[in-house]
């Protein structure tokens, strides 16, 4: 049984930083690209970032490029999202998801991702 669990969310002031973590079990982690998504109330889900199975290919949405950094540790079955210079508009529920395969990360499209976590809330105060 595959389980994907996010952690690290919380309340932070604008300009601050947070690091999200995501641990996946029940799958062969390095067979999967991993993605981060977010959804704010009343808004559509947004693909924030993607990282390929070996970490060599990454994608960021324009809204986070230059501020967020995705990484992974395949030995620990763990995905990370370092978020710096946070803005109030980054407030959302953040989700981790797994996409089977080895192709490059050129985007983060939700229908491509099979396994999802329950999310972790990030709130940025102004």
C-alpha atoms as a PDB file:
ATOM      1  CA  UNK A   1       0.000   0.000   0.000  1.00  0.00           C
ATOM      2  CA  UNK A   2       1.451   3.312  -1.093  1.00  0.00           C
ATOM      3  CA  UNK A   3       1.545   6.116   1.432  1.00  0.00           C
ATOM      4  CA  UNK A   4       2.625   9.691   0.790  1.00  0.00           C
ATOM      5  CA  UNK A   5       2.926  11.965   3.802  1.00  0.00           C
ATOM      6  CA  UNK A   6       3.792  15.659   3.819  1.00  0.00           C
ATOM      7  CA  UNK A   7       5.111  17.627   6.775  1.00  0.00           C
ATOM      8  CA  UNK A   8       6.702  20.949   7.592  1.00  0.00           C
ATOM      9  CA  UNK A   9       3.877  23.353   6.967  1.00  0.00           C
ATOM     10  CA  UNK A  10       3.006  26.140   9.362  1.00  0.00           C
ATOM     11  CA  UNK A  11       2.540  29.841   9.901  1.00  0.00           C
ATOM     12  CA  UNK A  12       5.317  32.186   8.816  1.00  0.00           C
ATOM     13  CA  UNK A  13       5.670  35.911   8.244  1.00  0.00           C
ATOM     14  CA  UNK A  14       6.119  37.333   4.784  1.00  0.00           C
ATOM     15  CA  UNK A  15       9.753  37.135   3.765  1.00  0.00           C
ATOM     16  CA  UNK A  16      10.348  34.069   5.882  1.00  0.00           C
ATOM     17  CA  UNK A  17      11.208  30.494   4.958  1.00  0.00           C
ATOM     18  CA  UNK A  18       9.821  27.005   5.406  1.00  0.00           C
ATOM     19  CA  UNK A  19      10.980  23.588   4.294  1.00  0.00           C
ATOM     20  CA  UNK A  20       8.392  21.012   3.418  1.00  0.00           C
ATOM     21  CA  UNK A  21       9.156  17.306   3.453  1.00  0.00           C
ATOM     22  CA  UNK A  22       7.346  14.406   1.858  1.00  0.00           C
ATOM     23  CA  UNK A  23       8.008  10.753   2.602  1.00  0.00           C
ATOM     24  CA  UNK A  24       6.721   8.006   0.319  1.00  0.00           C
ATOM     25  CA  UNK A  25       6.449   4.332   1.219  1.00  0.00           C
ATOM     26  CA  UNK A  26       5.120   1.257  -0.529  1.00  0.00           C
ATOM     27  CA  UNK A  27       6.737   2.157  -3.835  1.00  0.00           C
ATOM     28  CA  UNK A  28      10.182   2.165  -5.367  1.00  0.00           C
ATOM     29  CA  UNK A  29      10.899   5.835  -4.824  1.00  0.00           C
ATOM     30  CA  UNK A  30      13.496   6.255  -7.553  1.00  0.00           C
ATOM     31  CA  UNK A  31      11.073   4.888 -10.169  1.00  0.00           C
ATOM     32  CA  UNK A  32       9.038   8.052  -9.727  1.00  0.00           C
ATOM     33  CA  UNK A  33       9.251  11.718 -10.532  1.00  0.00           C
ATOM     34  CA  UNK A  34       7.860  13.747  -7.654  1.00  0.00           C
ATOM     35  CA  UNK A  35       5.846  16.913  -7.669  1.00  0.00           C
ATOM     36  CA  UNK A  36       4.619  19.631  -5.362  1.00  0.00           C
ATOM     37  CA  UNK A  37       1.196  21.155  -5.852  1.00  0.00           C
ATOM     38  CA  UNK A  38      -0.765  23.741  -3.942  1.00  0.00           C
ATOM     39  CA  UNK A  39      -4.355  24.826  -3.684  1.00  0.00           C
ATOM     40  CA  UNK A  40      -5.691  27.941  -2.017  1.00  0.00           C
ATOM     41  CA  UNK A  41      -9.352  28.304  -1.078  1.00  0.00           C
ATOM     42  CA  UNK A  42     -11.438  29.144  -4.118  1.00  0.00           C
ATOM     43  CA  UNK A  43      -8.558  28.630  -6.509  1.00  0.00           C
ATOM     44  CA  UNK A  44      -7.519  25.847  -8.849  1.00  0.00           C
ATOM     45  CA  UNK A  45      -4.752  23.464  -7.912  1.00  0.00           C
ATOM     46  CA  UNK A  46      -1.389  24.682  -9.172  1.00  0.00           C
ATOM     47  CA  UNK A  47       1.606  22.583 -10.087  1.00  0.00           C
ATOM     48  CA  UNK A  48       4.456  24.267  -8.239  1.00  0.00           C
ATOM     49  CA  UNK A  49       7.424  22.033  -8.933  1.00  0.00           C
ATOM     50  CA  UNK A  50       8.577  18.699 -10.282  1.00  0.00           C
ATOM     51  CA  UNK A  51      11.809  16.743  -9.877  1.00  0.00           C
ATOM     52  CA  UNK A  52      12.825  13.744 -11.938  1.00  0.00           C
ATOM     53  CA  UNK A  53      13.685  10.366 -10.481  1.00  0.00           C
ATOM     54  CA  UNK A  54      17.408  11.179 -10.254  1.00  0.00           C
ATOM     55  CA  UNK A  55      17.035  14.832  -9.328  1.00  0.00           C
ATOM     56  CA  UNK A  56      18.705  16.073 -12.495  1.00  0.00           C
ATOM     57  CA  UNK A  57      15.636  17.585 -14.085  1.00  0.00           C
ATOM     58  CA  UNK A  58      13.460  20.129 -12.301  1.00  0.00           C
ATOM     59  CA  UNK A  59      10.531  22.357 -13.106  1.00  0.00           C
ATOM     60  CA  UNK A  60       9.139  25.396 -11.290  1.00  0.00           C
ATOM     61  CA  UNK A  61       6.049  27.420 -11.958  1.00  0.00           C
ATOM     62  CA  UNK A  62       6.658  31.070 -12.729  1.00  0.00           C
ATOM     63  CA  UNK A  63       5.049  32.050  -9.442  1.00  0.00           C
ATOM     64  CA  UNK A  64       7.771  30.358  -7.365  1.00  0.00           C
ATOM     65  CA  UNK A  65      10.798  30.330  -9.649  1.00  0.00           C
ATOM     66  CA  UNK A  66      13.835  31.788  -7.903  1.00  0.00           C
ATOM     67  CA  UNK A  67      12.285  31.438  -4.447  1.00  0.00           C
ATOM     68  CA  UNK A  68      11.549  27.711  -4.086  1.00  0.00           C
ATOM     69  CA  UNK A  69      13.977  24.812  -4.469  1.00  0.00           C
ATOM     70  CA  UNK A  70      12.957  21.188  -4.851  1.00  0.00           C
ATOM     71  CA  UNK A  71      15.253  18.312  -3.936  1.00  0.00           C
ATOM     72  CA  UNK A  72      15.078  14.646  -3.079  1.00  0.00           C
ATOM     73  CA  UNK A  73      16.989  12.022  -1.133  1.00  0.00           C
ATOM     74  CA  UNK A  74      16.301   8.655  -2.721  1.00  0.00           C
ATOM     75  CA  UNK A  75      18.081   6.821   0.087  1.00  0.00           C
ATOM     76  CA  UNK A  76      15.493   8.231   2.485  1.00  0.00           C
ATOM     77  CA  UNK A  77      12.481   8.095   0.134  1.00  0.00           C
ATOM     78  CA  UNK A  78      12.028  11.771   0.859  1.00  0.00           C
ATOM     79  CA  UNK A  79      11.195  14.838  -1.189  1.00  0.00           C
ATOM     80  CA  UNK A  80      11.812  18.404  -0.041  1.00  0.00           C
ATOM     81  CA  UNK A  81      10.636  21.869  -0.958  1.00  0.00           C
ATOM     82  CA  UNK A  82      12.678  24.753   0.403  1.00  0.00           C
ATOM     83  CA  UNK A  83      10.547  27.877   0.283  1.00  0.00           C
ATOM     84  CA  UNK A  84      12.236  31.243   0.733  1.00  0.00           C
ATOM     85  CA  UNK A  85      11.016  34.843   0.483  1.00  0.00           C
ATOM     86  CA  UNK A  86       7.500  33.681   1.184  1.00  0.00           C
ATOM     87  CA  UNK A  87       4.593  35.902   0.210  1.00  0.00           C
ATOM     88  CA  UNK A  88       1.008  35.985   1.453  1.00  0.00           C
ATOM     89  CA  UNK A  89      -0.077  34.663  -1.942  1.00  0.00           C
ATOM     90  CA  UNK A  90       1.902  31.470  -1.217  1.00  0.00           C
ATOM     91  CA  UNK A  91      -0.704  30.604   1.411  1.00  0.00           C
ATOM     92  CA  UNK A  92      -2.258  27.283   0.427  1.00  0.00           C
ATOM     93  CA  UNK A  93      -2.486  23.597   1.175  1.00  0.00           C
ATOM     94  CA  UNK A  94       0.625  21.985  -0.283  1.00  0.00           C
ATOM     95  CA  UNK A  95       0.500  18.474  -1.682  1.00  0.00           C
ATOM     96  CA  UNK A  96       3.189  16.015  -2.674  1.00  0.00           C
ATOM     97  CA  UNK A  97       2.548  13.564  -5.505  1.00  0.00           C
ATOM     98  CA  UNK A  98       4.334  10.773  -7.380  1.00  0.00           C
ATOM     99  CA  UNK A  99       4.480  10.227 -11.146  1.00  0.00           C
ATOM    100  CA  UNK A 100       5.810   6.902 -12.417  1.00  0.00           C
ATOM    101  CA  UNK A 101       8.626   6.989 -14.925  1.00  0.00           C
ATOM    102  CA  UNK A 102      11.901   8.582 -15.921  1.00  0.00           C
ATOM    103  CA  UNK A 103      11.030  11.407 -18.258  1.00  0.00           C
ATOM    104  CA  UNK A 104      12.253  14.925 -17.736  1.00  0.00           C
ATOM    105  CA  UNK A 105      10.255  17.346 -15.625  1.00  0.00           C
ATOM    106  CA  UNK A 106       9.016  20.006 -18.011  1.00  0.00           C
ATOM    107  CA  UNK A 107       5.811  20.684 -16.143  1.00  0.00           C
ATOM    108  CA  UNK A 108       3.725  19.527 -13.185  1.00  0.00           C
ATOM    109  CA  UNK A 109       0.312  18.434 -14.393  1.00  0.00           C
ATOM    110  CA  UNK A 110      -1.905  16.854 -11.765  1.00  0.00           C
ATOM    111  CA  UNK A 111      -3.485  14.150 -13.982  1.00  0.00           C
ATOM    112  CA  UNK A 112      -0.017  12.699 -14.591  1.00  0.00           C
ATOM    113  CA  UNK A 113       0.547  12.010 -10.891  1.00  0.00           C
ATOM    114  CA  UNK A 114      -0.837   8.817  -9.449  1.00  0.00           C
ATOM    115  CA  UNK A 115      -0.162   8.909  -5.712  1.00  0.00           C
ATOM    116  CA  UNK A 116      -1.002  11.891  -3.523  1.00  0.00           C
ATOM    117  CA  UNK A 117      -0.538  12.904   0.071  1.00  0.00           C
ATOM    118  CA  UNK A 118      -3.112  14.552   2.308  1.00  0.00           C
ATOM    119  CA  UNK A 119      -1.385  17.915   2.271  1.00  0.00           C
ATOM    120  CA  UNK A 120       0.254  20.287   4.706  1.00  0.00           C
ATOM    121  CA  UNK A 121      -0.992  23.842   5.293  1.00  0.00           C
ATOM    122  CA  UNK A 122       1.275  26.808   4.664  1.00  0.00           C
ATOM    123  CA  UNK A 123       0.070  30.207   5.858  1.00  0.00           C
ATOM    124  CA  UNK A 124       2.057  33.370   5.202  1.00  0.00           C
ATOM    125  CA  UNK A 125       1.046  36.439   7.145  1.00  0.00           C
ATOM    126  CA  UNK A 126       1.621  39.959   5.871  1.00  0.00           C
END
